[in-house]
Amino acid sequence: DTLKAKMSCGHAVKPQSLTAWCRSLMDQGQYEFFCPAPVNGT
């Protein structure tokens, strides 16, 4: 029931999870963000 939006790669996110995920990567020193979604269950 929570509204999700499509990223440019076609995968869906919510604003709060996207913010938290980016902050987590920045805490690890990363400054680029790449979609972590698995491809075809692999």
PDB file of all heavy atoms in Angstrom:
ATOM      1  N   ASP A   1       0.811  -1.214   0.000  1.00  0.00           N
ATOM      2  CA  ASP A   1       0.000   0.000   0.000  1.00  0.00           C
ATOM      3  C   ASP A   1       0.851   1.274   0.000  1.00  0.00           C
ATOM      4  O   ASP A   1       0.316   2.375  -0.124  1.00  0.00           O
ATOM      5  CB  ASP A   1      -0.941   0.014   1.218  1.00  0.00           C
ATOM      6  CG  ASP A   1      -1.947  -1.128   1.168  1.00  0.00           C
ATOM      7  OD1 ASP A   1      -2.371  -1.483   0.054  1.00  0.00           O
ATOM      8  OD2 ASP A   1      -2.289  -1.647   2.245  1.00  0.00           O
ATOM      9  N   THR A   2       2.161   1.127   0.185  1.00  0.00           N
ATOM     10  CA  THR A   2       3.054   2.296   0.199  1.00  0.00           C
ATOM     11  C   THR A   2       3.460   2.645  -1.227  1.00  0.00           C
ATOM     12  O   THR A   2       3.868   1.783  -2.000  1.00  0.00           O
ATOM     13  CB  THR A   2       4.312   2.011   1.036  1.00  0.00           C
ATOM     14  OG1 THR A   2       3.917   1.697   2.382  1.00  0.00           O
ATOM     15  CG2 THR A   2       5.233   3.220   1.054  1.00  0.00           C
ATOM     16  N   LEU A   3       3.353   3.907  -1.550  1.00  0.00           N
ATOM     17  CA  LEU A   3       3.660   4.366  -2.901  1.00  0.00           C
ATOM     18  C   LEU A   3       5.165   4.291  -3.158  1.00  0.00           C
ATOM     19  O   LEU A   3       5.970   4.748  -2.356  1.00  0.00           O
ATOM     20  CB  LEU A   3       3.177   5.804  -3.074  1.00  0.00           C
ATOM     21  CG  LEU A   3       2.850   6.300  -4.485  1.00  0.00           C
ATOM     22  CD1 LEU A   3       1.785   5.424  -5.131  1.00  0.00           C
ATOM     23  CD2 LEU A   3       2.401   7.749  -4.422  1.00  0.00           C
ATOM     24  N   LYS A   4       5.528   3.694  -4.310  1.00  0.00           N
ATOM     25  CA  LYS A   4       6.930   3.562  -4.695  1.00  0.00           C
ATOM     26  C   LYS A   4       7.119   4.168  -6.074  1.00  0.00           C
ATOM     27  O   LYS A   4       6.211   4.153  -6.903  1.00  0.00           O
ATOM     28  CB  LYS A   4       7.365   2.103  -4.685  1.00  0.00           C
ATOM     29  CG  LYS A   4       7.113   1.387  -3.364  1.00  0.00           C
ATOM     30  CD  LYS A   4       7.413  -0.087  -3.451  1.00  0.00           C
ATOM     31  CE  LYS A   4       6.882  -0.808  -2.220  1.00  0.00           C
ATOM     32  NZ  LYS A   4       5.400  -0.897  -2.230  1.00  0.00           N
ATOM     33  N   ALA A   5       8.320   4.687  -6.310  1.00  0.00           N
ATOM     34  CA  ALA A   5       8.623   5.322  -7.593  1.00  0.00           C
ATOM     35  C   ALA A   5       9.705   4.530  -8.315  1.00  0.00           C
ATOM     36  O   ALA A   5      10.539   3.858  -7.691  1.00  0.00           O
ATOM     37  CB  ALA A   5       9.070   6.767  -7.389  1.00  0.00           C
ATOM     38  N   LYS A   6       9.693   4.645  -9.631  1.00  0.00           N
ATOM     39  CA  LYS A   6      10.636   3.898 -10.461  1.00  0.00           C
ATOM     40  C   LYS A   6      11.900   4.731 -10.695  1.00  0.00           C
ATOM     41  O   LYS A   6      11.832   5.884 -11.108  1.00  0.00           O
ATOM     42  CB  LYS A   6       9.994   3.537 -11.798  1.00  0.00           C
ATOM     43  CG  LYS A   6      10.893   2.718 -12.719  1.00  0.00           C
ATOM     44  CD  LYS A   6      10.254   2.497 -14.081  1.00  0.00           C
ATOM     45  CE  LYS A   6       9.079   1.550 -13.995  1.00  0.00           C
ATOM     46  NZ  LYS A   6       8.567   1.195 -15.345  1.00  0.00           N
ATOM     47  N   MET A   7      13.051   4.106 -10.423  1.00  0.00           N
ATOM     48  CA  MET A   7      14.327   4.727 -10.745  1.00  0.00           C
ATOM     49  C   MET A   7      14.574   4.604 -12.250  1.00  0.00           C
ATOM     50  O   MET A   7      13.842   3.894 -12.962  1.00  0.00           O
ATOM     51  CB  MET A   7      15.464   4.064  -9.964  1.00  0.00           C
ATOM     52  CG  MET A   7      15.343   4.175  -8.454  1.00  0.00           C
ATOM     53  SD  MET A   7      15.506   5.857  -7.809  1.00  0.00           S
ATOM     54  CE  MET A   7      17.263   6.149  -8.019  1.00  0.00           C
ATOM     55  N   SER A   8      15.611   5.253 -12.749  1.00  0.00           N
ATOM     56  CA  SER A   8      15.880   5.245 -14.187  1.00  0.00           C
ATOM     57  C   SER A   8      16.188   3.854 -14.716  1.00  0.00           C
ATOM     58  O   SER A   8      15.988   3.575 -15.899  1.00  0.00           O
ATOM     59  CB  SER A   8      17.048   6.179 -14.502  1.00  0.00           C
ATOM     60  OG  SER A   8      18.191   5.833 -13.731  1.00  0.00           O
ATOM     61  N   CYS A   9      16.635   2.937 -13.847  1.00  0.00           N
ATOM     62  CA  CYS A   9      16.936   1.570 -14.283  1.00  0.00           C
ATOM     63  C   CYS A   9      15.693   0.694 -14.314  1.00  0.00           C
ATOM     64  O   CYS A   9      15.741  -0.439 -14.791  1.00  0.00           O
ATOM     65  CB  CYS A   9      17.974   0.945 -13.356  1.00  0.00           C
ATOM     66  SG  CYS A   9      17.405   0.772 -11.643  1.00  0.00           S
ATOM     67  N   GLY A  10      14.585   1.212 -13.768  1.00  0.00           N
ATOM     68  CA  GLY A  10      13.344   0.457 -13.773  1.00  0.00           C
ATOM     69  C   GLY A  10      12.979  -0.171 -12.448  1.00  0.00           C
ATOM     70  O   GLY A  10      11.881  -0.715 -12.311  1.00  0.00           O
ATOM     71  N   HIS A  11      13.866  -0.108 -11.451  1.00  0.00           N
ATOM     72  CA  HIS A  11      13.573  -0.702 -10.147  1.00  0.00           C
ATOM     73  C   HIS A  11      12.933   0.328  -9.215  1.00  0.00           C
ATOM     74  O   HIS A  11      13.162   1.533  -9.348  1.00  0.00           O
ATOM     75  CB  HIS A  11      14.844  -1.278  -9.531  1.00  0.00           C
ATOM     76  CG  HIS A  11      15.360  -2.480 -10.272  1.00  0.00           C
ATOM     77  ND1 HIS A  11      16.468  -2.431 -11.091  1.00  0.00           N
ATOM     78  CD2 HIS A  11      14.877  -3.752 -10.346  1.00  0.00           C
ATOM     79  CE1 HIS A  11      16.665  -3.626 -11.621  1.00  0.00           C
ATOM     80  NE2 HIS A  11      15.717  -4.438 -11.187  1.00  0.00           N
ATOM     81  N   ALA A  12      12.155  -0.182  -8.268  1.00  0.00           N
ATOM     82  CA  ALA A  12      11.333   0.685  -7.422  1.00  0.00           C
ATOM     83  C   ALA A  12      11.986   0.967  -6.072  1.00  0.00           C
ATOM     84  O   ALA A  12      12.693   0.116  -5.508  1.00  0.00           O
ATOM     85  CB  ALA A  12       9.970   0.040  -7.208  1.00  0.00           C
ATOM     86  N   VAL A  13      11.723   2.161  -5.550  1.00  0.00           N
ATOM     87  CA  VAL A  13      12.234   2.559  -4.235  1.00  0.00           C
ATOM     88  C   VAL A  13      11.197   3.402  -3.506  1.00  0.00           C
ATOM     89  O   VAL A  13      10.255   3.911  -4.108  1.00  0.00           O
ATOM     90  CB  VAL A  13      13.537   3.382  -4.357  1.00  0.00           C
ATOM     91  CG1 VAL A  13      14.652   2.576  -4.979  1.00  0.00           C
ATOM     92  CG2 VAL A  13      13.295   4.676  -5.142  1.00  0.00           C
ATOM     93  N   LYS A  14      11.391   3.519  -2.201  1.00  0.00           N
ATOM     94  CA  LYS A  14      10.652   4.479  -1.387  1.00  0.00           C
ATOM     95  C   LYS A  14      11.628   5.568  -0.961  1.00  0.00           C
ATOM     96  O   LYS A  14      12.828   5.320  -0.841  1.00  0.00           O
ATOM     97  CB  LYS A  14      10.036   3.795  -0.163  1.00  0.00           C
ATOM     98  CG  LYS A  14       9.027   2.708  -0.480  1.00  0.00           C
ATOM     99  CD  LYS A  14       8.198   2.356   0.745  1.00  0.00           C
ATOM    100  CE  LYS A  14       9.025   1.805   1.883  1.00  0.00           C
ATOM    101  NZ  LYS A  14       9.543   0.450   1.638  1.00  0.00           N
ATOM    102  N   PRO A  15      11.158   6.774  -0.695  1.00  0.00           N
ATOM    103  CA  PRO A  15      12.088   7.864  -0.369  1.00  0.00           C
ATOM    104  C   PRO A  15      12.903   7.629   0.889  1.00  0.00           C
ATOM    105  O   PRO A  15      14.089   7.929   0.930  1.00  0.00           O
ATOM    106  CB  PRO A  15      11.171   9.082  -0.241  1.00  0.00           C
ATOM    107  CG  PRO A  15       9.803   8.526  -0.001  1.00  0.00           C
ATOM    108  CD  PRO A  15       9.752   7.221  -0.738  1.00  0.00           C
ATOM    109  N   GLN A  16      12.272   7.068   1.941  1.00  0.00           N
ATOM    110  CA  GLN A  16      13.007   6.898   3.180  1.00  0.00           C
ATOM    111  C   GLN A  16      14.064   5.806   3.070  1.00  0.00           C
ATOM    112  O   GLN A  16      15.165   5.921   3.606  1.00  0.00           O
ATOM    113  CB  GLN A  16      12.067   6.618   4.367  1.00  0.00           C
ATOM    114  CG  GLN A  16      11.288   5.312   4.279  1.00  0.00           C
ATOM    115  CD  GLN A  16       9.947   5.494   3.608  1.00  0.00           C
ATOM    116  OE1 GLN A  16       9.797   6.362   2.738  1.00  0.00           O
ATOM    117  NE2 GLN A  16       8.973   4.685   3.982  1.00  0.00           N
ATOM    118  N   SER A  17      13.756   4.725   2.337  1.00  0.00           N
ATOM    119  CA  SER A  17      14.749   3.653   2.195  1.00  0.00           C
ATOM    120  C   SER A  17      15.897   4.099   1.303  1.00  0.00           C
ATOM    121  O   SER A  17      17.052   3.737   1.530  1.00  0.00           O
ATOM    122  CB  SER A  17      14.102   2.387   1.625  1.00  0.00           C
ATOM    123  OG  SER A  17      13.595   2.608   0.317  1.00  0.00           O
ATOM    124  N   LEU A  18      15.605   4.896   0.286  1.00  0.00           N
ATOM    125  CA  LEU A  18      16.653   5.400  -0.597  1.00  0.00           C
ATOM    126  C   LEU A  18      17.591   6.332   0.172  1.00  0.00           C
ATOM    127  O   LEU A  18      18.816   6.254   0.029  1.00  0.00           O
ATOM    128  CB  LEU A  18      16.034   6.128  -1.790  1.00  0.00           C
ATOM    129  CG  LEU A  18      17.011   6.705  -2.827  1.00  0.00           C
ATOM    130  CD1 LEU A  18      17.902   5.606  -3.396  1.00  0.00           C
ATOM    131  CD2 LEU A  18      16.237   7.416  -3.941  1.00  0.00           C
ATOM    132  N   THR A  19      17.032   7.194   1.000  1.00  0.00           N
ATOM    133  CA  THR A  19      17.860   8.094   1.807  1.00  0.00           C
ATOM    134  C   THR A  19      18.761   7.314   2.748  1.00  0.00           C
ATOM    135  O   THR A  19      19.972   7.562   2.838  1.00  0.00           O
ATOM    136  CB  THR A  19      16.970   9.053   2.620  1.00  0.00           C
ATOM    137  OG1 THR A  19      16.121   9.790   1.745  1.00  0.00           O
ATOM    138  CG2 THR A  19      17.823  10.027   3.428  1.00  0.00           C
ATOM    139  N   ALA A  20      18.187   6.340   3.460  1.00  0.00           N
ATOM    140  CA  ALA A  20      18.955   5.553   4.432  1.00  0.00           C
ATOM    141  C   ALA A  20      20.039   4.729   3.744  1.00  0.00           C
ATOM    142  O   ALA A  20      21.163   4.609   4.245  1.00  0.00           O
ATOM    143  CB  ALA A  20      18.018   4.645   5.223  1.00  0.00           C
ATOM    144  N   TRP A  21      19.716   4.167   2.583  1.00  0.00           N
ATOM    145  CA  TRP A  21      20.679   3.344   1.841  1.00  0.00           C
ATOM    146  C   TRP A  21      21.867   4.190   1.378  1.00  0.00           C
ATOM    147  O   TRP A  21      23.022   3.783   1.522  1.00  0.00           O
ATOM    148  CB  TRP A  21      19.976   2.700   0.650  1.00  0.00           C
ATOM    149  CG  TRP A  21      20.835   1.842  -0.216  1.00  0.00           C
ATOM    150  CD1 TRP A  21      21.256   0.566   0.043  1.00  0.00           C
ATOM    151  CD2 TRP A  21      21.361   2.182  -1.511  1.00  0.00           C
ATOM    152  NE1 TRP A  21      22.017   0.098  -1.003  1.00  0.00           N
ATOM    153  CE2 TRP A  21      22.097   1.072  -1.971  1.00  0.00           C
ATOM    154  CE3 TRP A  21      21.269   3.321  -2.310  1.00  0.00           C
ATOM    155  CZ2 TRP A  21      22.752   1.062  -3.207  1.00  0.00           C
ATOM    156  CZ3 TRP A  21      21.914   3.316  -3.543  1.00  0.00           C
ATOM    157  CH2 TRP A  21      22.640   2.198  -3.984  1.00  0.00           C
ATOM    158  N   CYS A  22      21.596   5.374   0.862  1.00  0.00           N
ATOM    159  CA  CYS A  22      22.674   6.261   0.406  1.00  0.00           C
ATOM    160  C   CYS A  22      23.547   6.697   1.575  1.00  0.00           C
ATOM    161  O   CYS A  22      24.778   6.744   1.465  1.00  0.00           O
ATOM    162  CB  CYS A  22      22.096   7.475  -0.303  1.00  0.00           C
ATOM    163  SG  CYS A  22      21.366   7.119  -1.915  1.00  0.00           S
ATOM    164  N   ARG A  23      22.911   7.008   2.697  1.00  0.00           N
ATOM    165  CA  ARG A  23      23.691   7.413   3.875  1.00  0.00           C
ATOM    166  C   ARG A  23      24.604   6.271   4.330  1.00  0.00           C
ATOM    167  O   ARG A  23      25.752   6.496   4.733  1.00  0.00           O
ATOM    168  CB  ARG A  23      22.759   7.821   5.006  1.00  0.00           C
ATOM    169  CG  ARG A  23      22.147   9.203   4.846  1.00  0.00           C
ATOM    170  CD  ARG A  23      21.532   9.659   6.162  1.00  0.00           C
ATOM    171  NE  ARG A  23      20.957  10.981   6.067  1.00  0.00           N
ATOM    172  CZ  ARG A  23      21.642  12.109   6.111  1.00  0.00           C
ATOM    173  NH1 ARG A  23      22.971  12.065   6.212  1.00  0.00           N
ATOM    174  NH2 ARG A  23      21.043  13.282   6.033  1.00  0.00           N
ATOM    175  N   SER A  24      24.093   5.046   4.275  1.00  0.00           N
ATOM    176  CA  SER A  24      24.890   3.891   4.674  1.00  0.00           C
ATOM    177  C   SER A  24      26.125   3.754   3.791  1.00  0.00           C
ATOM    178  O   SER A  24      27.237   3.503   4.278  1.00  0.00           O
ATOM    179  CB  SER A  24      24.043   2.618   4.591  1.00  0.00           C
ATOM    180  OG  SER A  24      24.826   1.467   4.842  1.00  0.00           O
ATOM    181  N   LEU A  25      25.958   3.939   2.484  1.00  0.00           N
ATOM    182  CA  LEU A  25      27.093   3.847   1.569  1.00  0.00           C
ATOM    183  C   LEU A  25      28.080   4.992   1.804  1.00  0.00           C
ATOM    184  O   LEU A  25      29.299   4.792   1.764  1.00  0.00           O
ATOM    185  CB  LEU A  25      26.609   3.863   0.125  1.00  0.00           C
ATOM    186  CG  LEU A  25      25.828   2.632  -0.344  1.00  0.00           C
ATOM    187  CD1 LEU A  25      25.454   2.767  -1.816  1.00  0.00           C
ATOM    188  CD2 LEU A  25      26.635   1.361  -0.114  1.00  0.00           C
ATOM    189  N   MET A  26      27.562   6.189   2.057  1.00  0.00           N
ATOM    190  CA  MET A  26      28.445   7.324   2.326  1.00  0.00           C
ATOM    191  C   MET A  26      29.249   7.094   3.601  1.00  0.00           C
ATOM    192  O   MET A  26      30.418   7.482   3.691  1.00  0.00           O
ATOM    193  CB  MET A  26      27.629   8.609   2.411  1.00  0.00           C
ATOM    194  CG  MET A  26      27.081   9.073   1.063  1.00  0.00           C
ATOM    195  SD  MET A  26      25.744  10.286   1.193  1.00  0.00           S
ATOM    196  CE  MET A  26      26.546  11.626   2.066  1.00  0.00           C
ATOM    197  N   ASP A  27      28.636   6.451   4.590  1.00  0.00           N
ATOM    198  CA  ASP A  27      29.350   6.142   5.831  1.00  0.00           C
ATOM    199  C   ASP A  27      30.513   5.187   5.569  1.00  0.00           C
ATOM    200  O   ASP A  27      31.480   5.148   6.335  1.00  0.00           O
ATOM    201  CB  ASP A  27      28.399   5.521   6.861  1.00  0.00           C
ATOM    202  CG  ASP A  27      27.423   6.533   7.436  1.00  0.00           C
ATOM    203  OD1 ASP A  27      27.665   7.746   7.291  1.00  0.00           O
ATOM    204  OD2 ASP A  27      26.409   6.110   8.014  1.00  0.00           O
ATOM    205  N   GLN A  28      30.401   4.386   4.492  1.00  0.00           N
ATOM    206  CA  GLN A  28      31.476   3.476   4.108  1.00  0.00           C
ATOM    207  C   GLN A  28      32.484   4.144   3.174  1.00  0.00           C
ATOM    208  O   GLN A  28      33.431   3.508   2.720  1.00  0.00           O
ATOM    209  CB  GLN A  28      30.901   2.241   3.412  1.00  0.00           C
ATOM    210  CG  GLN A  28      29.987   1.394   4.276  1.00  0.00           C
ATOM    211  CD  GLN A  28      29.441   0.207   3.510  1.00  0.00           C
ATOM    212  OE1 GLN A  28      30.183  -0.537   2.874  1.00  0.00           O
ATOM    213  NE2 GLN A  28      28.145   0.013   3.549  1.00  0.00           N
ATOM    214  N   GLY A  29      32.258   5.425   2.869  1.00  0.00           N
ATOM    215  CA  GLY A  29      33.192   6.145   2.022  1.00  0.00           C
ATOM    216  C   GLY A  29      32.851   6.143   0.551  1.00  0.00           C
ATOM    217  O   GLY A  29      33.632   6.610  -0.277  1.00  0.00           O
ATOM    218  N   GLN A  30      31.679   5.636   0.188  1.00  0.00           N
ATOM    219  CA  GLN A  30      31.313   5.596  -1.219  1.00  0.00           C
ATOM    220  C   GLN A  30      30.592   6.879  -1.625  1.00  0.00           C
ATOM    221  O   GLN A  30      29.796   7.415  -0.866  1.00  0.00           O
ATOM    222  CB  GLN A  30      30.426   4.378  -1.501  1.00  0.00           C
ATOM    223  CG  GLN A  30      31.138   3.052  -1.283  1.00  0.00           C
ATOM    224  CD  GLN A  30      30.348   1.877  -1.826  1.00  0.00           C
ATOM    225  OE1 GLN A  30      29.851   1.907  -2.940  1.00  0.00           O
ATOM    226  NE2 GLN A  30      30.229   0.829  -1.022  1.00  0.00           N
ATOM    227  N   TYR A  31      30.888   7.340  -2.819  1.00  0.00           N
ATOM    228  CA  TYR A  31      30.281   8.569  -3.311  1.00  0.00           C
ATOM    229  C   TYR A  31      29.524   8.360  -4.622  1.00  0.00           C
ATOM    230  O   TYR A  31      28.961   9.299  -5.171  1.00  0.00           O
ATOM    231  CB  TYR A  31      31.351   9.645  -3.519  1.00  0.00           C
ATOM    232  CG  TYR A  31      32.379   9.289  -4.568  1.00  0.00           C
ATOM    233  CD1 TYR A  31      32.222   9.693  -5.889  1.00  0.00           C
ATOM    234  CD2 TYR A  31      33.486   8.534  -4.232  1.00  0.00           C
ATOM    235  CE1 TYR A  31      33.149   9.351  -6.853  1.00  0.00           C
ATOM    236  CE2 TYR A  31      34.425   8.191  -5.189  1.00  0.00           C
ATOM    237  CZ  TYR A  31      34.251   8.604  -6.492  1.00  0.00           C
ATOM    238  OH  TYR A  31      35.176   8.254  -7.443  1.00  0.00           O
ATOM    239  N   GLU A  32      29.500   7.127  -5.112  1.00  0.00           N
ATOM    240  CA  GLU A  32      28.726   6.782  -6.295  1.00  0.00           C
ATOM    241  C   GLU A  32      27.715   5.715  -5.905  1.00  0.00           C
ATOM    242  O   GLU A  32      27.989   4.870  -5.039  1.00  0.00           O
ATOM    243  CB  GLU A  32      29.632   6.267  -7.418  1.00  0.00           C
ATOM    244  CG  GLU A  32      30.600   7.313  -7.946  1.00  0.00           C
ATOM    245  CD  GLU A  32      31.563   6.745  -8.977  1.00  0.00           C
ATOM    246  OE1 GLU A  32      32.220   5.736  -8.663  1.00  0.00           O
ATOM    247  OE2 GLU A  32      31.646   7.298 -10.079  1.00  0.00           O
ATOM    248  N   PHE A  33      26.553   5.730  -6.544  1.00  0.00           N
ATOM    249  CA  PHE A  33      25.475   4.839  -6.152  1.00  0.00           C
ATOM    250  C   PHE A  33      25.030   4.002  -7.353  1.00  0.00           C
ATOM    251  O   PHE A  33      24.718   4.548  -8.416  1.00  0.00           O
ATOM    252  CB  PHE A  33      24.299   5.648  -5.598  1.00  0.00           C
ATOM    253  CG  PHE A  33      24.703   6.613  -4.514  1.00  0.00           C
ATOM    254  CD1 PHE A  33      24.793   7.976  -4.769  1.00  0.00           C
ATOM    255  CD2 PHE A  33      25.019   6.156  -3.253  1.00  0.00           C
ATOM    256  CE1 PHE A  33      25.182   8.866  -3.787  1.00  0.00           C
ATOM    257  CE2 PHE A  33      25.410   7.039  -2.253  1.00  0.00           C
ATOM    258  CZ  PHE A  33      25.494   8.402  -2.519  1.00  0.00           C
ATOM    259  N   PHE A  34      25.003   2.694  -7.160  1.00  0.00           N
ATOM    260  CA  PHE A  34      24.633   1.771  -8.222  1.00  0.00           C
ATOM    261  C   PHE A  34      23.502   0.869  -7.732  1.00  0.00           C
ATOM    262  O   PHE A  34      23.534   0.394  -6.591  1.00  0.00           O
ATOM    263  CB  PHE A  34      25.831   0.924  -8.648  1.00  0.00           C
ATOM    264  CG  PHE A  34      26.990   1.734  -9.176  1.00  0.00           C
ATOM    265  CD1 PHE A  34      27.970   2.202  -8.313  1.00  0.00           C
ATOM    266  CD2 PHE A  34      27.078   2.049 -10.524  1.00  0.00           C
ATOM    267  CE1 PHE A  34      29.031   2.963  -8.783  1.00  0.00           C
ATOM    268  CE2 PHE A  34      28.132   2.806 -11.007  1.00  0.00           C
ATOM    269  CZ  PHE A  34      29.114   3.267 -10.140  1.00  0.00           C
ATOM    270  N   CYS A  35      22.541   0.631  -8.588  1.00  0.00           N
ATOM    271  CA  CYS A  35      21.377  -0.159  -8.206  1.00  0.00           C
ATOM    272  C   CYS A  35      21.800  -1.548  -7.739  1.00  0.00           C
ATOM    273  O   CYS A  35      22.462  -2.281  -8.477  1.00  0.00           O
ATOM    274  CB  CYS A  35      20.407  -0.270  -9.387  1.00  0.00           C
ATOM    275  SG  CYS A  35      18.961  -1.296  -9.017  1.00  0.00           S
ATOM    276  N   PRO A  36      21.398  -1.960  -6.518  1.00  0.00           N
ATOM    277  CA  PRO A  36      21.798  -3.257  -5.978  1.00  0.00           C
ATOM    278  C   PRO A  36      20.814  -4.383  -6.283  1.00  0.00           C
ATOM    279  O   PRO A  36      20.984  -5.503  -5.798  1.00  0.00           O
ATOM    280  CB  PRO A  36      21.842  -2.989  -4.474  1.00  0.00           C
ATOM    281  CG  PRO A  36      20.709  -2.023  -4.271  1.00  0.00           C
ATOM    282  CD  PRO A  36      20.680  -1.145  -5.514  1.00  0.00           C
ATOM    283  N   ALA A  37      19.784  -4.099  -7.067  1.00  0.00           N
ATOM    284  CA  ALA A  37      18.747  -5.107  -7.314  1.00  0.00           C
ATOM    285  C   ALA A  37      19.315  -6.321  -8.047  1.00  0.00           C
ATOM    286  O   ALA A  37      20.068  -6.168  -9.021  1.00  0.00           O
ATOM    287  CB  ALA A  37      17.610  -4.498  -8.135  1.00  0.00           C
ATOM    288  N   PRO A  38      18.979  -7.534  -7.601  1.00  0.00           N
ATOM    289  CA  PRO A  38      19.440  -8.742  -8.309  1.00  0.00           C
ATOM    290  C   PRO A  38      18.766  -8.854  -9.672  1.00  0.00           C
ATOM    291  O   PRO A  38      17.638  -8.401  -9.861  1.00  0.00           O
ATOM    292  CB  PRO A  38      19.027  -9.874  -7.375  1.00  0.00           C
ATOM    293  CG  PRO A  38      17.882  -9.310  -6.570  1.00  0.00           C
ATOM    294  CD  PRO A  38      18.189  -7.853  -6.403  1.00  0.00           C
ATOM    295  N   VAL A  39      19.484  -9.450 -10.597  1.00  0.00           N
ATOM    296  CA  VAL A  39      18.970  -9.609 -11.957  1.00  0.00           C
ATOM    297  C   VAL A  39      18.477 -11.031 -12.148  1.00  0.00           C
ATOM    298  O   VAL A  39      19.236 -11.986 -12.009  1.00  0.00           O
ATOM    299  CB  VAL A  39      20.064  -9.283 -12.997  1.00  0.00           C
ATOM    300  CG1 VAL A  39      19.546  -9.513 -14.415  1.00  0.00           C
ATOM    301  CG2 VAL A  39      20.530  -7.852 -12.835  1.00  0.00           C
ATOM    302  N   ASN A  40      17.177 -11.167 -12.421  1.00  0.00           N
ATOM    303  CA  ASN A  40      16.571 -12.469 -12.716  1.00  0.00           C
ATOM    304  C   ASN A  40      16.866 -13.521 -11.648  1.00  0.00           C
ATOM    305  O   ASN A  40      17.146 -14.680 -11.953  1.00  0.00           O
ATOM    306  CB  ASN A  40      17.049 -12.980 -14.084  1.00  0.00           C
ATOM    307  CG  ASN A  40      16.630 -12.050 -15.209  1.00  0.00           C
ATOM    308  OD1 ASN A  40      15.563 -11.449 -15.165  1.00  0.00           O
ATOM    309  ND2 ASN A  40      17.482 -11.930 -16.225  1.00  0.00           N
ATOM    310  N   GLY A  41      16.853 -13.100 -10.390  1.00  0.00           N
ATOM    311  CA  GLY A  41      17.017 -14.048  -9.299  1.00  0.00           C
ATOM    312  C   GLY A  41      18.424 -14.589  -9.133  1.00  0.00           C
ATOM    313  O   GLY A  41      18.641 -15.566  -8.422  1.00  0.00           O
ATOM    314  N   THR A  42      19.426 -13.972  -9.760  1.00  0.00           N
ATOM    315  CA  THR A  42      20.813 -14.422  -9.649  1.00  0.00           C
ATOM    316  C   THR A  42      21.562 -13.564  -8.643  1.00  0.00           C
ATOM    317  O   THR A  42      21.010 -12.650  -8.041  1.00  0.00           O
ATOM    318  CB  THR A  42      21.520 -14.328 -11.019  1.00  0.00           C
ATOM    319  OG1 THR A  42      21.663 -12.945 -11.366  1.00  0.00           O
ATOM    320  CG2 THR A  42      20.694 -15.028 -12.102  1.00  0.00           C
TER     321      THR A  42
END
